[in-house]
Protein backbone atom coordinates (compact mmCIF):
# COMPACT_ATOMS: atom_id res chain seq x y z
CA MET A 1 -0.27 0.16 -0.07
CA ALA A 2 1.54 3.59 -1.13
CA GLY A 3 0.62 7.14 0.08
CA GLY A 4 1.60 10.09 0.86
CA GLY A 5 1.47 13.98 0.11
CA SER A 6 2.47 15.99 -3.05
CA GLY A 7 4.16 19.25 -2.01
CA VAL A 8 4.42 20.94 1.52
CA THR A 9 2.14 23.35 3.51
CA ARG A 10 3.53 26.18 5.38
CA GLU A 11 2.36 26.15 9.14
CA PRO A 12 0.06 28.76 10.25
CA GLY A 13 1.38 31.84 11.78
CA GLY A 14 2.99 33.60 9.21
CA LEU A 15 6.49 35.46 10.60
CA ARG A 16 5.31 35.50 14.06
CA ALA A 17 5.72 32.11 13.82
CA ALA A 18 8.81 32.07 11.95
CA LEU A 19 10.32 34.25 14.72
CA GLY A 20 9.05 31.47 16.95
CA GLY A 21 11.15 28.76 15.72
CA LEU A 22 14.67 31.03 16.38
CA THR A 23 16.39 28.34 17.96
CA THR A 24 19.15 28.86 21.18
CA ARG A 25 21.64 29.71 18.90
CA GLY A 26 19.53 32.23 16.81
CA ARG A 27 18.20 34.04 20.30
CA SER A 28 21.45 33.86 22.00
CA PHE A 29 22.60 36.04 18.66
CA LEU A 30 20.13 38.22 19.07
CA ALA A 31 20.27 39.21 22.75
CA ALA A 32 24.23 39.22 22.39
CA GLY A 33 23.48 41.74 19.40
CA LEU A 34 20.34 43.58 21.02
CA ALA A 35 22.61 44.08 24.58
CA ALA A 36 25.95 45.24 22.66
CA ALA A 37 23.81 47.90 20.82
CA ALA A 38 22.14 48.99 24.00
CA CYS A 39 25.99 49.32 25.50
CA ALA A 40 27.33 51.07 22.73
CA TYR A 41 24.93 53.58 22.90
CA LEU A 42 25.29 54.62 26.73
CA LEU A 43 28.85 54.32 26.11
CA GLY A 44 28.92 56.03 22.96
CA GLN A 45 31.00 53.37 21.07
CA ALA A 46 30.45 53.44 17.26
CA GLU A 47 32.40 50.32 16.59
CA LEU A 48 30.46 48.49 19.52
CA LEU A 49 27.13 49.38 17.86
CA ARG A 50 28.16 47.86 14.34
CA VAL A 51 29.04 44.68 15.65
CA GLY A 52 25.76 44.63 18.06
CA LEU A 53 23.76 45.36 14.96
CA LEU A 54 25.41 42.64 12.82
CA LEU A 55 24.99 40.71 15.79
CA ALA A 56 21.42 41.32 15.97
CA ALA A 57 20.47 40.99 12.41
CA LEU A 58 22.16 37.88 11.13
CA PRO A 59 19.24 35.92 13.24
CA LEU A 60 16.52 38.39 11.95
CA VAL A 61 18.00 37.74 8.10
CA CYS A 62 17.60 33.98 8.95
CA VAL A 63 14.19 33.92 9.63
CA LEU A 64 13.60 36.08 7.28
CA VAL A 65 15.17 33.64 4.07
CA LEU A 66 14.06 30.65 5.91
CA HIS A 67 10.61 32.26 6.04
CA ARG A 68 10.48 33.45 1.96
CA THR A 69 12.00 30.25 1.02
CA ARG A 70 9.69 27.75 -0.99
CA TYR A 71 11.43 23.96 -0.94
CA ARG A 72 9.20 22.19 -3.56
CA VAL A 73 8.91 19.00 -2.22
CA THR A 74 7.05 15.33 -2.89
CA GLY A 75 6.74 12.86 -0.16
CA SER A 76 5.37 9.71 -0.36
CA ARG A 77 5.06 6.60 2.21
CA THR A 78 4.84 2.97 1.37
CA LEU A 79 3.68 0.18 3.87
CA ALA A 80 4.51 -3.26 3.83
CA PRO A 81 2.34 -5.06 4.63
CA ALA A 82 -0.42 -2.32 5.42
CA ARG A 83 -2.24 -5.17 7.23
CA VAL A 84 -0.41 -7.26 9.64
CA PRO A 85 -1.41 -9.58 12.52
CA ALA A 86 -0.57 -8.46 16.10
CA ALA A 87 3.19 -8.63 17.29
CA ALA A 88 4.41 -8.93 13.83
CA GLU A 89 6.65 -5.93 12.16
CA SER A 90 5.19 -3.99 8.97
CA ARG A 91 8.36 -1.60 7.37
CA VAL A 92 7.14 2.01 6.39
CA ARG A 93 9.39 3.47 3.55
CA LEU A 94 9.23 7.44 3.27
CA ARG A 95 10.70 8.58 -0.19
CA VAL A 96 11.02 12.77 -0.58
CA GLU A 97 12.26 14.04 -3.45
CA ASN A 98 13.42 17.48 -4.32
CA VAL A 99 11.62 18.75 -7.88
CA ALA A 100 12.91 22.63 -7.56
CA ARG A 101 15.80 23.61 -9.62
CA LEU A 102 17.15 24.76 -6.12
CA PRO A 103 19.22 22.30 -3.68
CA THR A 104 17.36 22.25 -0.49
CA GLY A 105 19.65 22.76 2.95
CA VAL A 106 19.37 19.96 5.43
CA LEU A 107 15.94 18.37 5.84
CA MET A 108 15.10 16.38 9.33
CA LEU A 109 12.09 14.38 8.77
CA GLN A 110 9.89 13.42 11.52
CA ASP A 111 6.70 10.62 11.27
CA ARG A 112 3.90 11.37 13.08
CA VAL A 113 3.19 7.66 14.80
CA PRO A 114 0.72 6.42 17.51
CA TYR A 115 2.46 6.08 20.85
CA VAL A 116 1.34 2.03 20.64
CA LEU A 117 3.43 1.66 17.61
CA GLY A 118 6.57 3.07 19.10
CA PRO A 119 8.40 6.34 19.25
CA ARG A 120 8.13 9.58 16.45
CA PRO A 121 11.05 8.21 13.78
CA ARG A 122 12.96 11.51 13.05
CA PHE A 123 15.75 11.39 10.29
CA VAL A 124 18.36 13.37 8.99
CA LEU A 125 18.66 13.87 5.41
CA ASP A 126 21.62 16.33 3.72
CA ARG A 127 20.77 18.93 1.06
CA VAL A 128 19.23 17.24 -2.06
CA GLU A 129 20.01 18.16 -5.27
CA PRO A 130 17.32 19.47 -7.98
CA GLY A 131 15.29 16.46 -9.20
CA GLY A 132 17.46 14.03 -6.66
CA SER A 133 15.30 11.82 -3.74
CA ARG A 134 16.19 10.27 -0.97
CA GLU A 135 14.38 7.19 1.04
CA VAL A 136 14.34 6.30 4.67
CA SER A 137 12.95 2.98 6.22
CA TYR A 138 11.65 2.32 9.97
CA ARG A 139 9.65 -0.46 11.64
CA VAL A 140 6.04 -0.46 13.27
CA ARG A 141 4.64 -2.99 15.53
CA SER A 142 2.10 -3.01 18.21
CA ASP A 143 0.92 -5.98 20.28
CA LEU A 144 -2.74 -4.43 20.36
CA ARG A 145 -5.05 -4.93 17.18
CA GLY A 146 -6.56 -1.62 15.27
CA ARG A 147 -6.16 0.98 12.87
CA TYR A 148 -3.28 3.26 13.35
CA PRO A 149 -3.01 6.53 11.03
CA LEU A 150 0.71 7.39 9.92
CA GLY A 151 1.53 10.87 9.19
CA PRO A 152 1.49 13.18 8.49
CA LEU A 153 5.05 13.43 7.45
CA GLN A 154 7.00 16.57 8.93
CA LEU A 155 9.61 18.60 7.63
CA ARG A 156 11.79 20.50 9.65
CA LEU A 157 13.86 23.26 7.51
CA THR A 158 16.99 24.98 9.29
CA ASP A 159 19.34 27.98 7.87
CA PRO A 160 23.05 27.13 7.17
CA PHE A 161 24.05 28.71 10.54
CA GLY A 162 21.68 26.96 12.49
CA MET A 163 19.82 29.84 13.41
CA CYS A 164 16.14 29.13 13.22
CA GLU A 165 14.36 26.10 12.23
CA LEU A 166 10.77 25.58 10.80
CA THR A 167 7.94 22.55 10.77
CA ARG A 168 6.68 22.35 7.59
CA ALA A 169 3.48 19.13 7.05
CA PHE A 170 2.60 17.10 4.12
CA THR A 171 -1.28 16.97 4.37
CA ALA A 172 -1.36 12.94 3.34
CA PHE A 173 -1.53 10.02 5.99
CA ASP A 174 -1.66 6.62 5.82
CA THR A 175 -3.33 3.28 8.07
CA LEU A 176 -1.55 0.67 9.28
CA THR A 177 -4.16 -2.02 10.26
CA VAL A 178 -3.19 -4.42 13.34
CA VAL A 179 -5.67 -7.69 12.64
CA PRO A 180 -5.20 -10.61 15.29
CA ARG A 181 -3.23 -13.41 15.03
CA VAL A 182 -4.73 -16.37 13.16
CA GLU A 183 -3.62 -19.76 14.43
CA PRO A 184 -3.81 -22.53 11.95
CA LEU A 185 -6.03 -25.28 12.88
CA PRO A 186 -6.50 -29.48 11.90
CA PRO A 187 -7.86 -29.85 9.20
CA VAL A 188 -10.79 -32.44 11.17
CA ARG A 189 -14.54 -32.86 10.25
CA LEU A 190 -17.11 -31.40 12.94
CA ALA A 191 -19.65 -33.49 12.02
CA GLY A 192 -24.00 -33.36 12.24
CA GLU A 193 -24.22 -30.28 9.68
CA ALA A 194 -27.65 -29.68 8.27
CA ALA A 195 -28.14 -31.54 4.83
CA GLY A 196 -26.58 -29.64 2.45
CA TYR A 197 -24.32 -27.74 4.51
CA GLY A 198 -21.85 -30.46 5.19
CA ASP A 199 -18.34 -31.15 4.48
CA GLY A 200 -17.46 -28.26 1.69
CA GLY A 201 -19.77 -30.30 -1.15
CA HIS A 202 -20.89 -27.93 -3.25
CA ARG A 203 -24.65 -29.38 -5.01
CA SER A 204 -23.90 -28.56 -7.94
CA LEU A 205 -24.16 -31.53 -10.23
CA ALA A 206 -26.73 -30.49 -12.53
CA LEU A 207 -24.43 -27.31 -13.34
CA ALA A 208 -21.90 -29.86 -14.46
CA GLY A 209 -23.70 -31.77 -16.44
CA GLU A 210 -25.64 -34.54 -13.86
CA ASP A 211 -29.86 -34.17 -13.64
CA ASP A 212 -31.48 -34.88 -10.54
CA ILE A 213 -33.11 -37.83 -10.94
CA LEU A 214 -36.59 -36.48 -9.13
CA PRO A 215 -38.88 -35.01 -11.92
CA ARG A 216 -41.16 -31.65 -11.91
CA GLY A 217 -44.16 -30.60 -13.68
CA TYR A 218 -43.58 -28.98 -17.04
CA ARG A 219 -43.54 -25.17 -16.90
CA HIS A 220 -43.74 -22.34 -19.53
CA GLY A 221 -40.40 -21.81 -20.63
CA ASP A 222 -38.68 -25.15 -19.71
CA ASP A 223 -36.54 -26.68 -22.35
CA LEU A 224 -37.85 -29.54 -24.09
CA ARG A 225 -34.78 -31.67 -24.57
CA ARG A 226 -35.57 -32.24 -20.65
CA VAL A 227 -38.55 -34.03 -20.44
CA HIS A 228 -38.80 -37.18 -18.70
CA TRP A 229 -40.78 -39.51 -20.70
CA ARG A 230 -40.51 -42.42 -18.77
CA SER A 231 -42.23 -39.63 -15.59
CA THR A 232 -44.51 -37.98 -18.50
CA ALA A 233 -45.97 -41.71 -19.21
CA ARG A 234 -46.11 -42.65 -15.50
CA HIS A 235 -47.92 -39.41 -14.51
CA GLY A 236 -50.13 -38.50 -17.39
CA GLU A 237 -48.57 -34.77 -17.61
CA LEU A 238 -45.59 -33.64 -19.38
CA MET A 239 -42.59 -33.85 -16.63
CA VAL A 240 -39.33 -32.59 -17.27
CA ARG A 241 -36.10 -33.25 -15.06
CA ARG A 242 -35.47 -30.86 -12.37
CA GLU A 243 -32.41 -28.93 -12.27
CA GLU A 244 -30.87 -29.42 -8.61
CA GLN A 245 -29.99 -25.88 -7.02
CA PRO A 246 -26.44 -25.25 -6.16
CA GLN A 247 -25.28 -25.11 -1.94
CA LYS A 248 -22.51 -24.42 -0.19
CA ALA A 249 -21.20 -25.16 2.71
CA CYS A 250 -22.71 -22.63 5.41
CA CYS A 251 -21.16 -21.36 8.81
CA THR A 252 -22.14 -18.48 11.03
CA ILE A 253 -19.49 -17.64 13.78
CA LEU A 254 -21.20 -16.04 17.17
CA LEU A 255 -18.62 -13.46 18.93
CA ASP A 256 -19.71 -12.38 22.43
CA THR A 257 -18.69 -8.65 23.09
CA ARG A 258 -20.34 -7.88 25.45
CA ALA A 259 -18.31 -5.44 27.97
CA VAL A 260 -20.04 -7.53 30.80
CA ALA A 261 -18.94 -10.93 30.02
CA HIS A 262 -15.18 -9.99 29.21
CA ASP A 263 -12.79 -8.62 32.22
CA GLY A 264 -9.33 -7.23 31.91
CA SER A 265 -7.98 -5.75 28.89
CA GLY A 266 -4.66 -6.33 26.89
CA PRO A 267 -2.88 -8.92 24.45
CA ASP A 268 -3.61 -11.89 27.08
CA SER A 269 -7.53 -10.71 28.04
CA ALA A 270 -10.38 -13.20 27.64
CA PHE A 271 -11.87 -10.99 25.05
CA GLU A 272 -8.68 -10.76 22.70
CA TRP A 273 -8.66 -14.33 23.28
CA ALA A 274 -12.27 -14.62 21.49
CA VAL A 275 -11.33 -12.12 18.69
CA ALA A 276 -8.14 -14.41 17.67
CA GLY A 277 -10.19 -17.48 17.98
CA ALA A 278 -13.54 -16.05 16.07
CA ALA A 279 -10.52 -15.00 12.85
CA SER A 280 -8.54 -18.11 13.44
CA ALA A 281 -12.45 -20.44 12.58
CA ALA A 282 -13.45 -17.96 9.83
CA LEU A 283 -10.39 -18.07 7.45
CA HIS A 284 -10.15 -21.80 8.77
CA LEU A 285 -13.49 -22.37 7.16
CA LEU A 286 -12.77 -20.27 4.23
CA GLU A 287 -10.26 -21.84 3.28
CA ARG A 288 -12.34 -25.12 3.45
CA GLY A 289 -15.01 -23.64 1.29
CA TYR A 290 -17.31 -22.42 2.98
CA ALA A 291 -19.65 -19.38 3.23
CA VAL A 292 -18.71 -17.48 6.50
CA ARG A 293 -21.00 -14.71 8.55
CA LEU A 294 -19.31 -13.59 11.64
CA LEU A 295 -22.15 -12.27 14.48
CA THR A 296 -22.00 -10.49 17.20
CA ASP A 297 -24.41 -9.87 19.96
CA THR A 298 -25.59 -6.89 18.67
CA GLY A 299 -27.22 -8.46 15.85
CA SER A 300 -24.49 -6.88 13.21
CA THR A 301 -23.28 -9.20 10.49
CA VAL A 302 -20.19 -8.75 8.28
CA PRO A 303 -20.00 -9.26 5.91
CA GLY A 304 -23.21 -6.10 4.98
CA PRO A 305 -25.84 -5.13 7.74
CA ALA A 306 -27.53 -7.23 9.86
CA GLY A 307 -29.28 -10.10 7.85
CA GLY A 308 -27.90 -13.43 6.46
CA GLY A 309 -25.27 -12.31 3.99
CA PHE A 310 -22.43 -14.30 3.84
CA ALA A 311 -19.18 -14.34 2.18
CA GLY A 312 -17.66 -16.96 -0.22
CA GLY A 313 -14.49 -18.52 0.88
CA GLU A 314 -12.99 -18.17 -3.05
CA SER A 315 -11.42 -14.45 -2.70
CA SER A 316 -8.87 -12.99 -0.45
CA ASP A 317 -10.57 -9.95 -0.01
CA THR A 318 -13.38 -12.19 1.91
CA ALA A 319 -11.00 -12.67 4.55
CA GLY A 320 -9.66 -9.53 4.60
CA LEU A 321 -12.79 -7.78 5.21
CA LEU A 322 -13.41 -10.51 8.46
CA LEU A 323 -9.52 -9.48 9.63
CA ASP A 324 -10.42 -5.63 8.99
CA SER A 325 -13.77 -5.77 10.87
CA LEU A 326 -11.83 -7.65 13.55
CA ALA A 327 -9.07 -5.64 13.97
CA VAL A 328 -11.57 -2.50 14.87
CA VAL A 329 -14.05 -4.88 16.96
CA GLU A 330 -14.71 -3.38 20.85
CA HIS A 331 -16.74 -4.16 23.97
CA SER A 332 -20.56 -3.59 23.33
CA ASP A 333 -22.69 -2.18 26.02
CA GLU A 334 -25.60 -5.31 25.45
CA GLU A 335 -26.55 -6.67 28.43
CA GLY A 336 -27.77 -10.34 26.28
CA PHE A 337 -27.96 -11.80 23.46
CA THR A 338 -32.10 -11.09 22.10
CA ALA A 339 -30.78 -8.67 18.81
CA ALA A 340 -28.01 -12.59 18.12
CA TYR A 341 -31.34 -14.32 18.46
CA GLU A 342 -33.35 -12.69 15.90
CA ALA A 343 -30.60 -12.54 13.24
CA LEU A 344 -30.13 -16.43 13.88
CA ARG A 345 -33.85 -17.09 13.89
CA ASP A 346 -33.98 -15.35 10.93
CA GLY A 347 -31.42 -17.26 9.22
CA ALA A 348 -29.32 -20.16 11.19
CA GLU A 349 -28.33 -22.68 8.56
CA GLY A 350 -25.18 -24.68 8.46
CA LEU A 351 -22.40 -24.65 11.27
CA LEU A 352 -22.48 -22.20 14.35
CA ILE A 353 -18.93 -21.82 16.04
CA ALA A 354 -19.82 -19.53 19.67
CA PHE A 355 -17.16 -17.58 21.23
CA PHE A 356 -19.02 -16.54 24.76
CA GLY A 357 -17.83 -14.73 27.61
CA ALA A 358 -19.17 -15.36 30.93
CA LEU A 359 -22.69 -15.89 30.86
CA ASP A 360 -25.63 -15.84 33.65
CA GLU A 361 -28.51 -18.38 34.00
CA GLU A 362 -30.77 -16.80 31.89
CA GLN A 363 -28.11 -15.84 28.74
CA ALA A 364 -27.34 -19.47 28.96
CA ALA A 365 -30.61 -20.69 28.26
CA LEU A 366 -30.97 -18.31 25.75
CA ALA A 367 -28.59 -19.20 23.94
CA GLY A 368 -28.93 -22.94 24.07
CA ARG A 369 -31.79 -22.46 21.89
CA PHE A 370 -29.52 -20.37 19.03
CA ARG A 371 -28.79 -24.36 17.82
CA ARG A 372 -31.29 -25.49 15.39
CA ARG A 373 -32.36 -29.69 15.31
CA GLY A 374 -30.28 -31.06 12.77
CA THR A 375 -26.98 -28.72 12.97
CA THR A 376 -24.20 -28.74 14.91
CA ALA A 377 -23.27 -26.01 17.27
CA VAL A 378 -19.94 -25.84 19.15
CA ALA A 379 -19.15 -23.42 21.87
CA PHE A 380 -15.93 -21.95 23.19
CA VAL A 381 -16.76 -20.55 26.80
CA LEU A 382 -14.13 -18.46 28.43
CA ASP A 383 -13.74 -19.30 31.94
CA GLY A 384 -13.94 -15.84 33.25
CA ASP A 385 -12.53 -17.45 36.59
CA ALA A 386 -9.74 -18.61 35.51
CA PHE A 387 -8.79 -14.98 33.49
CA SER A 388 -9.28 -13.23 36.23
CA ARG A 389 -6.41 -14.35 38.05
CA GLY A 390 -2.88 -12.95 37.88
CA PRO A 391 0.82 -14.51 38.38
CA GLY A 392 0.50 -17.09 41.40
CA GLY A 393 -3.47 -17.47 41.62
CA ILE A 394 -4.03 -13.79 42.52
CA ARG A 395 -7.66 -12.72 41.85
CA LEU A 396 -7.15 -9.70 39.96
CA SER A 397 -11.08 -8.89 39.49
CA PRO A 398 -14.38 -10.49 41.22
CA GLY A 399 -14.37 -13.23 38.50
CA GLY A 400 -17.83 -14.52 36.41
CA PRO A 401 -20.06 -17.03 37.60
CA PRO A 402 -18.83 -20.51 37.98
CA VAL A 403 -18.29 -22.26 34.03
CA ALA A 404 -19.32 -25.76 34.72
CA GLU A 405 -23.22 -25.20 35.19
CA ARG A 406 -22.80 -22.73 31.92
CA LEU A 407 -21.27 -25.45 30.09
CA ARG A 408 -24.13 -27.98 31.01
CA MET A 409 -26.25 -26.26 30.18
CA LEU A 410 -25.27 -25.76 26.71
CA ARG A 411 -24.59 -29.39 26.73
CA ALA A 412 -28.57 -30.36 27.26
CA ALA A 413 -29.71 -27.78 24.60
CA GLY A 414 -27.36 -30.29 22.11
CA TRP A 415 -23.98 -27.69 22.16
CA THR A 416 -20.49 -29.22 21.89
CA ALA A 417 -19.29 -26.82 24.70
CA LEU A 418 -16.01 -26.52 26.10
CA PRO A 419 -13.95 -24.18 28.55
CA VAL A 420 -11.58 -21.92 27.79
CA GLY A 421 -8.67 -21.19 29.88
CA PRO A 422 -5.78 -18.57 29.68
CA GLY A 423 -2.72 -19.68 27.20
CA ALA A 424 -5.32 -22.23 25.65
CA ALA A 425 -4.37 -23.27 22.37
CA LEU A 426 -7.87 -23.40 19.76
CA ALA A 427 -5.85 -25.80 17.72
CA ASP A 428 -5.83 -28.00 20.64
CA LEU A 429 -10.13 -27.47 21.54
CA TRP A 430 -10.68 -27.85 17.74
CA ARG A 431 -9.85 -30.98 17.78
CA ALA A 432 -11.48 -31.84 20.54
CA ALA A 433 -14.50 -30.63 19.50
CA ALA A 434 -14.59 -32.77 16.28
CA GLN A 435 -13.87 -35.64 18.97
CA ALA A 436 -16.64 -35.02 20.51
CA GLU A 437 -18.86 -34.66 17.92
CA ALA A 438 -17.30 -38.03 16.59
CA ALA A 439 -18.09 -39.78 20.12
CA PRO A 440 -21.26 -41.31 21.28
CA ALA A 441 -23.42 -39.67 23.51
CA GLY A 442 -22.11 -39.23 27.23
CA ALA A 443 -18.30 -39.98 26.00
CA VAL A 444 -15.43 -37.76 26.85
CA PRO A 445 -12.53 -38.40 24.53
CA GLY A 446 -9.34 -37.04 25.50
CA GLN A 447 -8.53 -33.64 24.80
CA GLY A 448 -5.36 -33.02 26.23
CA GLY A 449 -5.91 -30.92 29.18
CA ALA A 450 -8.89 -28.78 27.36
CA GLY A 451 -11.12 -29.61 30.13
CA ASP A 452 -14.41 -32.10 30.17
CA THR A 453 -15.87 -31.98 26.63
CA GLU A 454 -18.61 -34.78 27.21
CA ARG A 455 -21.59 -34.07 24.95
CA SER A 456 -25.35 -34.65 25.61
CA GLY A 457 -28.14 -34.52 23.07
CA ALA A 458 -27.94 -36.56 19.92
CA ASP A 459 -25.87 -35.75 16.95
CA ALA A 460 -27.82 -34.49 13.92
């Protein structure tokens, strides 16, 4: 991603601002010159007066010349890459080109960056010849996801004597998007999806030349070459071979963003684990050919407004859209899942994967109704009590309700529910969910410390 500004803009304030740019050396020369002129006037020394006037005039002339200087300089900024996972680095390249007919003086570059990306980078450039250019680069990184503006780029101009410094700035800036870290997941099969939404099998046989053997009645406009004569003779009316409609595996990922459900903040908080888990699951399913919809407790979906729009997995733009949305997701003020329940009730087909924070009894009962009969629903329930403990088991916050009871309620509703503690690996939990789906009801597969994942209720 490239960006930048063309030309420089003068800082507001005019000549008064230029006088404010006097350096320590310039102020010292001005003060010494005025003092020498005053002493020469009192003592009647004409030679000392000339020296004083020269000392005082030098910084003022530098201010005037620097203020009237019109450098024609263009600048650009390139981010490689412009979208990075949390804790990863991005290189920023700055290019400054002198498009004037005169060389520039010494330039000091400074790029404005948010404090979470590190200190502001500064570079000193020697004079740039007419038509010449200079390139510098620096790296930025952030442990916190988000969208961070870079710029505008600032130029600090100085005169050859170091009497005055002026700052002028470009107007353009770029944006660095820090997305959640994505964890690769094992290619296991989550069984029990609704018919037509299984292992990614796209039901498009008719479009490939094969026909559904089930006929239907003839409709005006049907191709006569599709007439099924055997069924026509049996039913006594004209019948045509039915074309099977293409269907695609679908998945809804529900992310609980309620502020009341998540304690703490920072890269190791429960909420950040849930966001990173949702990003990992979404990209994993997109790679497997699923159409993925990201839903939050507010009822809003990505992509598109509230509704049932699913994003296909054949384009990297879809993954970028989901990651960009998760990069800026914040806590919501919702108390429950009413809005999400309404969105799911309008279209909750296919696989359902949820990342829940702390659940009270009422919200756990409502979440249990999210799952439709005959579909697979997997819930990762964050253990608020475990996340609220610091090093040595010291409790840092009051903690949430017991997670075991909430798991029992979800499993009774047919969910495959797994507890999540600090430092849990989503890949292990993902594999444990597949084992729980494949195991008979009441069985407890091994999970490598992931917790009890027995699932009650019949699979689809």
